[in-house]
Every structure is written in C-alpha cells, then in structure tokens.
Amino acid sequence: MDRLHFFAPVRISRGQGHPVEEIGNVGEAMTFLQAWPTGRRGPVYQCALNCCTAALSGHMTAEEARKAFTGFARITRLLDQDIARPLAAEVVARTHALRR
C-alpha cells in the first residue's frame, strides 16, 4: 500500500442531497483543504493542512495526517456520522460480550 494512503477513508458529508465523499489519501485531503474557503481557515484547518504537508514530505505518517483531517472534518461538521454509528454499536456489543 502507498505510504500516503489512509488505512480507512474519511467520509465527508455536505448534507442531504449531496453525495458522501471519501477522502482516501493525503493528496485528496490536501486538495480538499486547498479548496476550503479562505475566510473559514482557522487553527484546526491550519493544523490539518500542516499535518498533510508534513506527511507529503515524509515527516509524518499518513495516519497522523488522517487524524488531523478527521478532526477538521468533525469540527466543521462535515464528518459523515453514519459510518461511526455501526462501529460504536460493535464496540458496545464487544464490551458487553467481554463482561459476560
């Protein structure tokens, strides 16, 4: 696997009526961030951009950049929550199974 690919894509949702976008690597994350409106580029944006830049230059892993990009998507309310719900349910089920 390419060192710039994410282990799992970050799913971006722009709301009802828009398709869910999957950001699967550092390059796609950079493209998304570069298209972000200038007036909405705050510290979380800058952190994600810096992490993606560091990953491209080999100073950070793709997964570290993914975490920063995911944080940006969560803060901006673009992170698709549908993917998180089943995972959370699986974790709860496993936790309950371990307690038995």
Protein backbone atom coordinates (compact mmCIF):
# COMPACT_ATOMS: atom_id res chain seq x y z
CA MET A 1 0.00 0.00 0.00
CA ASP A 2 1.20 3.51 -0.84
CA ARG A 3 2.58 5.30 2.25
CA LEU A 4 0.22 8.24 1.61
CA HIS A 5 -2.98 6.16 1.65
CA PHE A 6 -5.19 6.21 4.72
CA PHE A 7 -5.94 2.92 6.46
CA ALA A 8 -9.65 3.84 6.19
CA PRO A 9 -11.11 6.73 4.18
CA VAL A 10 -12.54 9.83 5.84
CA ARG A 11 -16.16 10.20 4.80
CA ILE A 12 -17.27 13.78 4.16
CA SER A 13 -20.95 14.70 4.05
CA ARG A 14 -22.07 18.13 2.85
CA GLY A 15 -25.66 17.46 3.87
CA GLN A 16 -28.80 15.90 2.46
CA GLY A 17 -28.97 15.81 -1.31
CA HIS A 18 -25.18 15.70 -1.66
CA PRO A 19 -23.22 12.51 -2.17
CA VAL A 20 -20.83 11.39 0.56
CA GLU A 21 -17.20 11.96 -0.44
CA GLU A 22 -14.49 9.55 0.57
CA ILE A 23 -11.05 11.04 1.14
CA GLY A 24 -8.67 8.10 0.89
CA ASN A 25 -5.19 9.58 0.94
CA VAL A 26 -3.10 12.60 1.88
CA GLY A 27 -3.24 14.06 -1.64
CA GLU A 28 -7.05 14.03 -1.68
CA ALA A 29 -7.10 15.62 1.78
CA MET A 30 -4.74 18.38 0.56
CA THR A 31 -6.92 19.03 -2.48
CA PHE A 32 -9.99 19.28 -0.24
CA LEU A 33 -8.22 21.63 2.18
CA GLN A 34 -6.85 23.86 -0.59
CA ALA A 35 -10.39 24.33 -1.92
CA TRP A 36 -11.67 25.34 1.55
CA PRO A 37 -12.92 28.97 1.68
CA THR A 38 -10.18 31.36 2.79
CA GLY A 39 -12.45 33.11 5.28
CA ARG A 40 -13.10 29.83 7.12
CA ARG A 41 -9.47 28.78 7.57
CA GLY A 42 -8.91 28.72 11.31
CA PRO A 43 -6.44 26.93 13.57
CA VAL A 44 -7.98 23.46 13.09
CA TYR A 45 -7.78 23.93 9.32
CA GLN A 46 -4.15 25.06 9.63
CA CYS A 47 -3.30 22.04 11.79
CA ALA A 48 -4.81 19.65 9.21
CA LEU A 49 -3.01 21.41 6.38
CA ASN A 50 0.33 21.34 8.26
CA CYS A 51 -0.07 17.63 9.03
CA CYS A 52 -0.89 16.77 5.43
CA THR A 53 2.09 18.82 4.23
CA ALA A 54 4.33 17.00 6.74
CA ALA A 55 3.01 13.62 5.55
CA LEU A 56 3.70 14.54 1.93
CA SER A 57 7.29 15.41 2.83
CA GLY A 58 7.75 12.22 4.88
CA HIS A 59 7.92 13.90 8.29
CA MET A 60 4.62 12.43 9.47
CA THR A 61 2.65 9.29 8.70
CA ALA A 62 -0.49 9.26 6.60
CA GLU A 63 -2.44 8.07 9.65
CA GLU A 64 -1.30 11.07 11.70
CA ALA A 65 -2.42 13.33 8.85
CA ARG A 66 -5.71 11.40 8.68
CA LYS A 67 -6.35 12.06 12.37
CA ALA A 68 -5.80 15.80 11.88
CA PHE A 69 -8.00 15.84 8.77
CA THR A 70 -10.71 13.86 10.59
CA GLY A 71 -10.59 16.40 13.43
CA PHE A 72 -11.02 19.20 10.90
CA ALA A 73 -13.98 17.40 9.31
CA ARG A 74 -15.57 16.81 12.73
CA ILE A 75 -15.14 20.44 13.87
CA THR A 76 -16.58 21.77 10.61
CA ARG A 77 -19.46 19.27 10.87
CA LEU A 78 -18.56 17.61 7.59
CA LEU A 79 -17.63 14.22 9.04
CA ASP A 80 -20.20 11.66 7.94
CA GLN A 81 -21.64 10.27 11.15
CA ASP A 82 -23.34 7.27 9.53
CA ILE A 83 -20.05 5.39 9.39
CA ALA A 84 -19.37 5.96 13.11
CA ARG A 85 -22.69 4.60 14.38
CA PRO A 86 -22.25 0.94 13.37
CA LEU A 87 -18.68 0.94 14.64
CA ALA A 88 -19.80 2.32 18.01
CA ALA A 89 -22.52 -0.33 18.21
CA GLU A 90 -19.91 -3.03 17.50
CA VAL A 91 -17.65 -1.72 20.27
CA VAL A 92 -20.54 -1.69 22.75
CA ALA A 93 -21.52 -5.24 21.75
CA ARG A 94 -17.93 -6.46 22.17
CA THR A 95 -17.64 -4.73 25.54
CA HIS A 96 -20.83 -6.36 26.77
CA ALA A 97 -19.68 -9.73 25.43
CA LEU A 98 -16.40 -9.40 27.34
CA ARG A 99 -18.24 -8.65 30.57
CA ARG A 100 -20.30 -11.85 30.36
